[in-house]
Amino acid sequence: MHYYILASSAWNAKVTRGDYTRAGTDPAIERCSEAKRIVDQELQRREPRPGDPLPLSYYVGSTLAYFGLPALWSCASDKIAEAERALRVKEKAE
């Protein structure tokens, strides 16, 4: 569910033109390889400059909001499917 919450945070910042920093500091980004790849790729393309008034986490969050939501939803879906498989295995064992 954490990936859905992260996606919601990024989406909310986009819709309300809010602060992307919260989404950009979430450690779950590192565990979703496709979202991490998108963020890394975008940051290489548009690397923040020294003296930029916005923190790096702002750019990470905005990248997720504009390009990474499908990746986050995919990671969330994969984790739910994994949990469902584990439950079926446990039920069969009982």
PDB file of N, CA and C in Angstrom:
ATOM      1  N   MET A   1       0.826  -1.202   0.000  1.00  0.00           N
ATOM      2  CA  MET A   1       0.000   0.000   0.000  1.00  0.00           C
ATOM      3  C   MET A   1       0.866   1.261   0.000  1.00  0.00           C
ATOM      4  N   HIS A   2       2.098   1.108   0.447  1.00  0.00           N
ATOM      5  CA  HIS A   2       2.981   2.270   0.528  1.00  0.00           C
ATOM      6  C   HIS A   2       3.153   2.937  -0.841  1.00  0.00           C
ATOM      7  N   TYR A   3       3.269   2.131  -1.912  1.00  0.00           N
ATOM      8  CA  TYR A   3       3.431   2.703  -3.252  1.00  0.00           C
ATOM      9  C   TYR A   3       2.195   3.497  -3.671  1.00  0.00           C
ATOM     10  N   TYR A   4       1.008   3.008  -3.297  1.00  0.00           N
ATOM     11  CA  TYR A   4      -0.210   3.755  -3.604  1.00  0.00           C
ATOM     12  C   TYR A   4      -0.233   5.085  -2.843  1.00  0.00           C
ATOM     13  N   ILE A   5       0.209   5.061  -1.600  1.00  0.00           N
ATOM     14  CA  ILE A   5       0.262   6.291  -0.804  1.00  0.00           C
ATOM     15  C   ILE A   5       1.260   7.273  -1.411  1.00  0.00           C
ATOM     16  N   LEU A   6       2.410   6.769  -1.843  1.00  0.00           N
ATOM     17  CA  LEU A   6       3.403   7.617  -2.493  1.00  0.00           C
ATOM     18  C   LEU A   6       2.849   8.207  -3.780  1.00  0.00           C
ATOM     19  N   ALA A   7       2.202   7.389  -4.598  1.00  0.00           N
ATOM     20  CA  ALA A   7       1.599   7.876  -5.837  1.00  0.00           C
ATOM     21  C   ALA A   7       0.545   8.939  -5.534  1.00  0.00           C
ATOM     22  N   SER A   8      -0.243   8.708  -4.489  1.00  0.00           N
ATOM     23  CA  SER A   8      -1.260   9.678  -4.088  1.00  0.00           C
ATOM     24  C   SER A   8      -0.633  11.001  -3.668  1.00  0.00           C
ATOM     25  N   SER A   9       0.462  10.931  -2.946  1.00  0.00           N
ATOM     26  CA  SER A   9       1.156  12.141  -2.506  1.00  0.00           C
ATOM     27  C   SER A   9       1.675  12.933  -3.700  1.00  0.00           C
ATOM     28  N   ALA A  10       2.289  12.232  -4.663  1.00  0.00           N
ATOM     29  CA  ALA A  10       2.804  12.903  -5.862  1.00  0.00           C
ATOM     30  C   ALA A  10       1.651  13.477  -6.681  1.00  0.00           C
ATOM     31  N   TRP A  11       0.600  12.702  -6.858  1.00  0.00           N
ATOM     32  CA  TRP A  11      -0.568  13.144  -7.629  1.00  0.00           C
ATOM     33  C   TRP A  11      -1.192  14.379  -6.971  1.00  0.00           C
ATOM     34  N   ASN A  12      -1.358  14.332  -5.658  1.00  0.00           N
ATOM     35  CA  ASN A  12      -1.956  15.449  -4.930  1.00  0.00           C
ATOM     36  C   ASN A  12      -1.135  16.728  -5.107  1.00  0.00           C
ATOM     37  N   ALA A  13       0.182  16.611  -5.031  1.00  0.00           N
ATOM     38  CA  ALA A  13       1.040  17.789  -5.226  1.00  0.00           C
ATOM     39  C   ALA A  13       0.866  18.344  -6.637  1.00  0.00           C
ATOM     40  N   LYS A  14       0.721  17.461  -7.602  1.00  0.00           N
ATOM     41  CA  LYS A  14       0.530  17.898  -8.992  1.00  0.00           C
ATOM     42  C   LYS A  14      -0.807  18.620  -9.163  1.00  0.00           C
ATOM     43  N   VAL A  15      -1.862  18.031  -8.658  1.00  0.00           N
ATOM     44  CA  VAL A  15      -3.205  18.586  -8.824  1.00  0.00           C
ATOM     45  C   VAL A  15      -3.360  19.918  -8.097  1.00  0.00           C
ATOM     46  N   THR A  16      -2.792  20.001  -6.908  1.00  0.00           N
ATOM     47  CA  THR A  16      -2.954  21.222  -6.108  1.00  0.00           C
ATOM     48  C   THR A  16      -1.824  22.223  -6.327  1.00  0.00           C
ATOM     49  N   ARG A  17      -0.889  21.860  -7.208  1.00  0.00           N
ATOM     50  CA  ARG A  17       0.316  22.677  -7.434  1.00  0.00           C
ATOM     51  C   ARG A  17       1.020  22.928  -6.097  1.00  0.00           C
ATOM     52  N   GLY A  18       1.090  21.843  -5.333  1.00  0.00           N
ATOM     53  CA  GLY A  18       1.665  21.899  -3.992  1.00  0.00           C
ATOM     54  C   GLY A  18       3.144  21.588  -3.981  1.00  0.00           C
ATOM     55  N   ASP A  19       3.608  21.203  -2.831  1.00  0.00           N
ATOM     56  CA  ASP A  19       5.025  20.925  -2.621  1.00  0.00           C
ATOM     57  C   ASP A  19       5.311  19.457  -2.928  1.00  0.00           C
ATOM     58  N   TYR A  20       6.174  19.224  -3.891  1.00  0.00           N
ATOM     59  CA  TYR A  20       6.535  17.866  -4.305  1.00  0.00           C
ATOM     60  C   TYR A  20       7.546  17.230  -3.359  1.00  0.00           C
ATOM     61  N   THR A  21       8.076  17.990  -2.427  1.00  0.00           N
ATOM     62  CA  THR A  21       9.152  17.522  -1.565  1.00  0.00           C
ATOM     63  C   THR A  21       8.766  16.274  -0.782  1.00  0.00           C
ATOM     64  N   ARG A  22       7.547  16.216  -0.282  1.00  0.00           N
ATOM     65  CA  ARG A  22       7.120  15.057   0.514  1.00  0.00           C
ATOM     66  C   ARG A  22       7.234  13.767  -0.295  1.00  0.00           C
ATOM     67  N   ALA A  23       6.723  13.793  -1.507  1.00  0.00           N
ATOM     68  CA  ALA A  23       6.821  12.608  -2.359  1.00  0.00           C
ATOM     69  C   ALA A  23       8.278  12.319  -2.710  1.00  0.00           C
ATOM     70  N   GLY A  24       9.055  13.358  -2.898  1.00  0.00           N
ATOM     71  CA  GLY A  24      10.445  13.196  -3.312  1.00  0.00           C
ATOM     72  C   GLY A  24      11.375  12.690  -2.241  1.00  0.00           C
ATOM     73  N   THR A  25      10.922  12.634  -0.996  1.00  0.00           N
ATOM     74  CA  THR A  25      11.777  12.133   0.085  1.00  0.00           C
ATOM     75  C   THR A  25      11.376  10.735   0.555  1.00  0.00           C
ATOM     76  N   ASP A  26      10.382  10.149  -0.069  1.00  0.00           N
ATOM     77  CA  ASP A  26       9.893   8.844   0.369  1.00  0.00           C
ATOM     78  C   ASP A  26      10.901   7.745   0.015  1.00  0.00           C
ATOM     79  N   PRO A  27      11.322   6.955   0.992  1.00  0.00           N
ATOM     80  CA  PRO A  27      12.317   5.899   0.721  1.00  0.00           C
ATOM     81  C   PRO A  27      11.806   4.777  -0.180  1.00  0.00           C
ATOM     82  N   ALA A  28      10.507   4.684  -0.379  1.00  0.00           N
ATOM     83  CA  ALA A  28       9.957   3.633  -1.245  1.00  0.00           C
ATOM     84  C   ALA A  28      10.393   3.814  -2.692  1.00  0.00           C
ATOM     85  N   ILE A  29      10.789   5.004  -3.078  1.00  0.00           N
ATOM     86  CA  ILE A  29      11.263   5.249  -4.445  1.00  0.00           C
ATOM     87  C   ILE A  29      12.420   4.306  -4.773  1.00  0.00           C
ATOM     88  N   GLU A  30      13.293   4.110  -3.818  1.00  0.00           N
ATOM     89  CA  GLU A  30      14.474   3.255  -4.028  1.00  0.00           C
ATOM     90  C   GLU A  30      14.088   1.794  -4.241  1.00  0.00           C
ATOM     91  N   ARG A  31      12.934   1.369  -3.747  1.00  0.00           N
ATOM     92  CA  ARG A  31      12.519  -0.031  -3.847  1.00  0.00           C
ATOM     93  C   ARG A  31      11.652  -0.315  -5.072  1.00  0.00           C
ATOM     94  N   CYS A  32      11.303   0.720  -5.807  1.00  0.00           N
ATOM     95  CA  CYS A  32      10.527   0.551  -7.041  1.00  0.00           C
ATOM     96  C   CYS A  32      11.473   0.853  -8.200  1.00  0.00           C
ATOM     97  N   SER A  33      12.034  -0.195  -8.775  1.00  0.00           N
ATOM     98  CA  SER A  33      13.116  -0.009  -9.748  1.00  0.00           C
ATOM     99  C   SER A  33      12.713   0.840 -10.945  1.00  0.00           C
ATOM    100  N   GLU A  34      11.507   0.698 -11.450  1.00  0.00           N
ATOM    101  CA  GLU A  34      11.094   1.494 -12.618  1.00  0.00           C
ATOM    102  C   GLU A  34      10.936   2.970 -12.245  1.00  0.00           C
ATOM    103  N   ALA A  35      10.359   3.258 -11.090  1.00  0.00           N
ATOM    104  CA  ALA A  35      10.235   4.654 -10.645  1.00  0.00           C
ATOM    105  C   ALA A  35      11.621   5.255 -10.414  1.00  0.00           C
ATOM    106  N   LYS A  36      12.496   4.486  -9.819  1.00  0.00           N
ATOM    107  CA  LYS A  36      13.870   4.946  -9.572  1.00  0.00           C
ATOM    108  C   LYS A  36      14.578   5.241 -10.888  1.00  0.00           C
ATOM    109  N   ARG A  37      14.391   4.378 -11.883  1.00  0.00           N
ATOM    110  CA  ARG A  37      15.000   4.592 -13.200  1.00  0.00           C
ATOM    111  C   ARG A  37      14.486   5.886 -13.840  1.00  0.00           C
ATOM    112  N   ILE A  38      13.192   6.112 -13.739  1.00  0.00           N
ATOM    113  CA  ILE A  38      12.593   7.324 -14.309  1.00  0.00           C
ATOM    114  C   ILE A  38      13.152   8.565 -13.622  1.00  0.00           C
ATOM    115  N   VAL A  39      13.221   8.526 -12.308  1.00  0.00           N
ATOM    116  CA  VAL A  39      13.759   9.661 -11.546  1.00  0.00           C
ATOM    117  C   VAL A  39      15.217   9.905 -11.920  1.00  0.00           C
ATOM    118  N   ASP A  40      16.027   8.852 -11.928  1.00  0.00           N
ATOM    119  CA  ASP A  40      17.447   9.005 -12.263  1.00  0.00           C
ATOM    120  C   ASP A  40      17.636   9.563 -13.662  1.00  0.00           C
ATOM    121  N   GLN A  41      16.859   9.049 -14.607  1.00  0.00           N
ATOM    122  CA  GLN A  41      16.953   9.507 -15.994  1.00  0.00           C
ATOM    123  C   GLN A  41      16.586  10.991 -16.112  1.00  0.00           C
ATOM    124  N   GLU A  42      15.517  11.383 -15.459  1.00  0.00           N
ATOM    125  CA  GLU A  42      15.082  12.781 -15.524  1.00  0.00           C
ATOM    126  C   GLU A  42      16.073  13.706 -14.834  1.00  0.00           C
ATOM    127  N   LEU A  43      16.635  13.270 -13.717  1.00  0.00           N
ATOM    128  CA  LEU A  43      17.598  14.111 -13.010  1.00  0.00           C
ATOM    129  C   LEU A  43      18.898  14.262 -13.798  1.00  0.00           C
ATOM    130  N   GLN A  44      19.265  13.260 -14.574  1.00  0.00           N
ATOM    131  CA  GLN A  44      20.439  13.401 -15.436  1.00  0.00           C
ATOM    132  C   GLN A  44      20.169  14.407 -16.539  1.00  0.00           C
ATOM    133  N   ARG A  45      18.949  14.369 -17.062  1.00  0.00           N
ATOM    134  CA  ARG A  45      18.572  15.284 -18.141  1.00  0.00           C
ATOM    135  C   ARG A  45      18.457  16.723 -17.646  1.00  0.00           C
ATOM    136  N   ARG A  46      17.934  16.878 -16.444  1.00  0.00           N
ATOM    137  CA  ARG A  46      17.627  18.202 -15.907  1.00  0.00           C
ATOM    138  C   ARG A  46      18.219  18.339 -14.503  1.00  0.00           C
ATOM    139  N   GLU A  47      19.510  18.217 -14.429  1.00  0.00           N
ATOM    140  CA  GLU A  47      20.190  18.256 -13.132  1.00  0.00           C
ATOM    141  C   GLU A  47      20.046  19.635 -12.485  1.00  0.00           C
ATOM    142  N   PRO A  48      19.596  19.671 -11.226  1.00  0.00           N
ATOM    143  CA  PRO A  48      19.497  20.967 -10.537  1.00  0.00           C
ATOM    144  C   PRO A  48      20.868  21.643 -10.436  1.00  0.00           C
ATOM    145  N   ARG A  49      20.880  22.922 -10.572  1.00  0.00           N
ATOM    146  CA  ARG A  49      22.110  23.703 -10.529  1.00  0.00           C
ATOM    147  C   ARG A  49      22.452  24.113  -9.102  1.00  0.00           C
ATOM    148  N   PRO A  50      23.752  24.279  -8.811  1.00  0.00           N
ATOM    149  CA  PRO A  50      24.132  24.810  -7.490  1.00  0.00           C
ATOM    150  C   PRO A  50      23.448  26.162  -7.261  1.00  0.00           C
ATOM    151  N   GLY A  51      22.980  26.363  -6.068  1.00  0.00           N
ATOM    152  CA  GLY A  51      22.288  27.605  -5.748  1.00  0.00           C
ATOM    153  C   GLY A  51      20.811  27.580  -6.086  1.00  0.00           C
ATOM    154  N   ASP A  52      20.328  26.468  -6.645  1.00  0.00           N
ATOM    155  CA  ASP A  52      18.907  26.342  -6.959  1.00  0.00           C
ATOM    156  C   ASP A  52      18.133  26.446  -5.647  1.00  0.00           C
ATOM    157  N   PRO A  53      17.107  27.285  -5.586  1.00  0.00           N
ATOM    158  CA  PRO A  53      16.374  27.452  -4.322  1.00  0.00           C
ATOM    159  C   PRO A  53      15.516  26.248  -3.941  1.00  0.00           C
ATOM    160  N   LEU A  54      15.273  25.343  -4.881  1.00  0.00           N
ATOM    161  CA  LEU A  54      14.444  24.167  -4.580  1.00  0.00           C
ATOM    162  C   LEU A  54      15.323  22.975  -4.242  1.00  0.00           C
ATOM    163  N   PRO A  55      14.941  22.190  -3.237  1.00  0.00           N
ATOM    164  CA  PRO A  55      15.744  21.011  -2.887  1.00  0.00           C
ATOM    165  C   PRO A  55      15.601  19.918  -3.946  1.00  0.00           C
ATOM    166  N   LEU A  56      16.564  19.032  -3.986  1.00  0.00           N
ATOM    167  CA  LEU A  56      16.539  17.913  -4.920  1.00  0.00           C
ATOM    168  C   LEU A  56      15.257  17.104  -4.772  1.00  0.00           C
ATOM    169  N   SER A  57      14.778  16.944  -3.553  1.00  0.00           N
ATOM    170  CA  SER A  57      13.559  16.163  -3.319  1.00  0.00           C
ATOM    171  C   SER A  57      12.353  16.760  -4.043  1.00  0.00           C
ATOM    172  N   TYR A  58      12.344  18.057  -4.259  1.00  0.00           N
ATOM    173  CA  TYR A  58      11.263  18.701  -5.011  1.00  0.00           C
ATOM    174  C   TYR A  58      11.258  18.178  -6.451  1.00  0.00           C
ATOM    175  N   TYR A  59      12.443  18.111  -7.055  1.00  0.00           N
ATOM    176  CA  TYR A  59      12.550  17.629  -8.432  1.00  0.00           C
ATOM    177  C   TYR A  59      12.207  16.143  -8.527  1.00  0.00           C
ATOM    178  N   VAL A  60      12.623  15.368  -7.534  1.00  0.00           N
ATOM    179  CA  VAL A  60      12.291  13.942  -7.504  1.00  0.00           C
ATOM    180  C   VAL A  60      10.773  13.776  -7.432  1.00  0.00           C
ATOM    181  N   GLY A  61      10.132  14.497  -6.531  1.00  0.00           N
ATOM    182  CA  GLY A  61       8.677  14.417  -6.390  1.00  0.00           C
ATOM    183  C   GLY A  61       7.937  14.865  -7.624  1.00  0.00           C
ATOM    184  N   SER A  62       8.389  15.940  -8.258  1.00  0.00           N
ATOM    185  CA  SER A  62       7.705  16.410  -9.467  1.00  0.00           C
ATOM    186  C   SER A  62       7.898  15.429 -10.615  1.00  0.00           C
ATOM    187  N   THR A  63       9.061  14.799 -10.685  1.00  0.00           N
ATOM    188  CA  THR A  63       9.285  13.782 -11.711  1.00  0.00           C
ATOM    189  C   THR A  63       8.328  12.619 -11.514  1.00  0.00           C
ATOM    190  N   LEU A  64       8.147  12.186 -10.277  1.00  0.00           N
ATOM    191  CA  LEU A  64       7.193  11.109 -10.006  1.00  0.00           C
ATOM    192  C   LEU A  64       5.784  11.522 -10.409  1.00  0.00           C
ATOM    193  N   ALA A  65       5.412  12.739 -10.087  1.00  0.00           N
ATOM    194  CA  ALA A  65       4.056  13.222 -10.375  1.00  0.00           C
ATOM    195  C   ALA A  65       3.780  13.288 -11.873  1.00  0.00           C
ATOM    196  N   TYR A  66       4.757  13.687 -12.650  1.00  0.00           N
ATOM    197  CA  TYR A  66       4.532  13.884 -14.084  1.00  0.00           C
ATOM    198  C   TYR A  66       4.898  12.683 -14.942  1.00  0.00           C
ATOM    199  N   PHE A  67       5.823  11.853 -14.484  1.00  0.00           N
ATOM    200  CA  PHE A  67       6.284  10.742 -15.319  1.00  0.00           C
ATOM    201  C   PHE A  67       6.236   9.375 -14.630  1.00  0.00           C
ATOM    202  N   GLY A  68       6.210   9.346 -13.300  1.00  0.00           N
ATOM    203  CA  GLY A  68       6.395   8.099 -12.590  1.00  0.00           C
ATOM    204  C   GLY A  68       5.173   7.446 -11.983  1.00  0.00           C
ATOM    205  N   LEU A  69       4.000   8.057 -12.105  1.00  0.00           N
ATOM    206  CA  LEU A  69       2.819   7.463 -11.472  1.00  0.00           C
ATOM    207  C   LEU A  69       2.525   6.051 -11.973  1.00  0.00           C
ATOM    208  N   PRO A  70       2.562   5.794 -13.282  1.00  0.00           N
ATOM    209  CA  PRO A  70       2.311   4.415 -13.726  1.00  0.00           C
ATOM    210  C   PRO A  70       3.309   3.407 -13.134  1.00  0.00           C
ATOM    211  N   ALA A  71       4.556   3.815 -12.993  1.00  0.00           N
ATOM    212  CA  ALA A  71       5.561   2.926 -12.402  1.00  0.00           C
ATOM    213  C   ALA A  71       5.227   2.630 -10.946  1.00  0.00           C
ATOM    214  N   LEU A  72       4.810   3.640 -10.204  1.00  0.00           N
ATOM    215  CA  LEU A  72       4.436   3.423  -8.798  1.00  0.00           C
ATOM    216  C   LEU A  72       3.217   2.523  -8.684  1.00  0.00           C
ATOM    217  N   TRP A  73       2.225   2.735  -9.542  1.00  0.00           N
ATOM    218  CA  TRP A  73       1.037   1.883  -9.525  1.00  0.00           C
ATOM    219  C   TRP A  73       1.408   0.439  -9.864  1.00  0.00           C
ATOM    220  N   SER A  74       2.336   0.276 -10.797  1.00  0.00           N
ATOM    221  CA  SER A  74       2.786  -1.064 -11.162  1.00  0.00           C
ATOM    222  C   SER A  74       3.491  -1.749  -9.994  1.00  0.00           C
ATOM    223  N   CYS A  75       4.361  -1.024  -9.304  1.00  0.00           N
ATOM    224  CA  CYS A  75       5.038  -1.592  -8.131  1.00  0.00           C
ATOM    225  C   CYS A  75       4.024  -1.975  -7.059  1.00  0.00           C
ATOM    226  N   ALA A  76       3.040  -1.120  -6.849  1.00  0.00           N
ATOM    227  CA  ALA A  76       2.006  -1.412  -5.850  1.00  0.00           C
ATOM    228  C   ALA A  76       1.227  -2.666  -6.236  1.00  0.00           C
ATOM    229  N   SER A  77       0.855  -2.761  -7.485  1.00  0.00           N
ATOM    230  CA  SER A  77       0.113  -3.920  -7.972  1.00  0.00           C
ATOM    231  C   SER A  77       0.937  -5.196  -7.822  1.00  0.00           C
ATOM    232  N   ASP A  78       2.221  -5.121  -8.154  1.00  0.00           N
ATOM    233  CA  ASP A  78       3.101  -6.285  -8.012  1.00  0.00           C
ATOM    234  C   ASP A  78       3.188  -6.747  -6.568  1.00  0.00           C
ATOM    235  N   LYS A  79       3.279  -5.802  -5.637  1.00  0.00           N
ATOM    236  CA  LYS A  79       3.381  -6.159  -4.215  1.00  0.00           C
ATOM    237  C   LYS A  79       2.084  -6.777  -3.707  1.00  0.00           C
ATOM    238  N   ILE A  80       0.957  -6.282  -4.177  1.00  0.00           N
ATOM    239  CA  ILE A  80      -0.321  -6.856  -3.765  1.00  0.00           C
ATOM    240  C   ILE A  80      -0.455  -8.276  -4.307  1.00  0.00           C
ATOM    241  N   ALA A  81      -0.052  -8.485  -5.549  1.00  0.00           N
ATOM    242  CA  ALA A  81      -0.088  -9.825  -6.134  1.00  0.00           C
ATOM    243  C   ALA A  81       0.840 -10.770  -5.361  1.00  0.00           C
ATOM    244  N   GLU A  82       1.995 -10.280  -4.980  1.00  0.00           N
ATOM    245  CA  GLU A  82       2.941 -11.070  -4.184  1.00  0.00           C
ATOM    246  C   GLU A  82       2.323 -11.464  -2.841  1.00  0.00           C
ATOM    247  N   ALA A  83       1.658 -10.521  -2.198  1.00  0.00           N
ATOM    248  CA  ALA A  83       1.007 -10.800  -0.911  1.00  0.00           C
ATOM    249  C   ALA A  83      -0.123 -11.815  -1.086  1.00  0.00           C
ATOM    250  N   GLU A  84      -0.886 -11.702  -2.159  1.00  0.00           N
ATOM    251  CA  GLU A  84      -1.970 -12.653  -2.413  1.00  0.00           C
ATOM    252  C   GLU A  84      -1.420 -14.056  -2.635  1.00  0.00           C
ATOM    253  N   ARG A  85      -0.313 -14.162  -3.373  1.00  0.00           N
ATOM    254  CA  ARG A  85       0.309 -15.478  -3.584  1.00  0.00           C
ATOM    255  C   ARG A  85       0.776 -16.067  -2.261  1.00  0.00           C
ATOM    256  N   ALA A  86       1.389 -15.245  -1.425  1.00  0.00           N
ATOM    257  CA  ALA A  86       1.877 -15.718  -0.125  1.00  0.00           C
ATOM    258  C   ALA A  86       0.718 -16.185   0.742  1.00  0.00           C
ATOM    259  N   LEU A  87      -0.406 -15.503   0.693  1.00  0.00           N
ATOM    260  CA  LEU A  87      -1.585 -15.913   1.471  1.00  0.00           C
ATOM    261  C   LEU A  87      -2.121 -17.252   0.981  1.00  0.00           C
ATOM    262  N   ARG A  88      -2.146 -17.441  -0.337  1.00  0.00           N
ATOM    263  CA  ARG A  88      -2.640 -18.719  -0.893  1.00  0.00           C
ATOM    264  C   ARG A  88      -1.737 -19.870  -0.460  1.00  0.00           C
ATOM    265  N   VAL A  89      -0.419 -19.635  -0.488  1.00  0.00           N
ATOM    266  CA  VAL A  89       0.533 -20.661  -0.063  1.00  0.00           C
ATOM    267  C   VAL A  89       0.312 -20.995   1.405  1.00  0.00           C
ATOM    268  N   LYS A  90       0.123 -19.977   2.216  1.00  0.00           N
ATOM    269  CA  LYS A  90      -0.093 -20.181   3.657  1.00  0.00           C
ATOM    270  C   LYS A  90      -1.391 -20.946   3.894  1.00  0.00           C
ATOM    271  N   GLU A  91      -2.443 -20.583   3.164  1.00  0.00           N
ATOM    272  CA  GLU A  91      -3.730 -21.266   3.330  1.00  0.00           C
ATOM    273  C   GLU A  91      -3.633 -22.734   2.926  1.00  0.00           C
ATOM    274  N   LYS A  92      -2.883 -23.031   1.874  1.00  0.00           N
ATOM    275  CA  LYS A  92      -2.719 -24.425   1.442  1.00  0.00           C
ATOM    276  C   LYS A  92      -1.933 -25.218   2.473  1.00  0.00           C
ATOM    277  N   ALA A  93      -0.975 -24.573   3.116  1.00  0.00           N
ATOM    278  CA  ALA A  93      -0.143 -25.245   4.118  1.00  0.00           C
ATOM    279  C   ALA A  93      -0.927 -25.566   5.380  1.00  0.00           C
ATOM    280  N   GLU A  94      -1.947 -24.794   5.639  1.00  0.00           N
ATOM    281  CA  GLU A  94      -2.744 -25.018   6.863  1.00  0.00           C
ATOM    282  C   GLU A  94      -3.713 -26.103   6.593  1.00  0.00           C
TER     283      GLU A  94
END
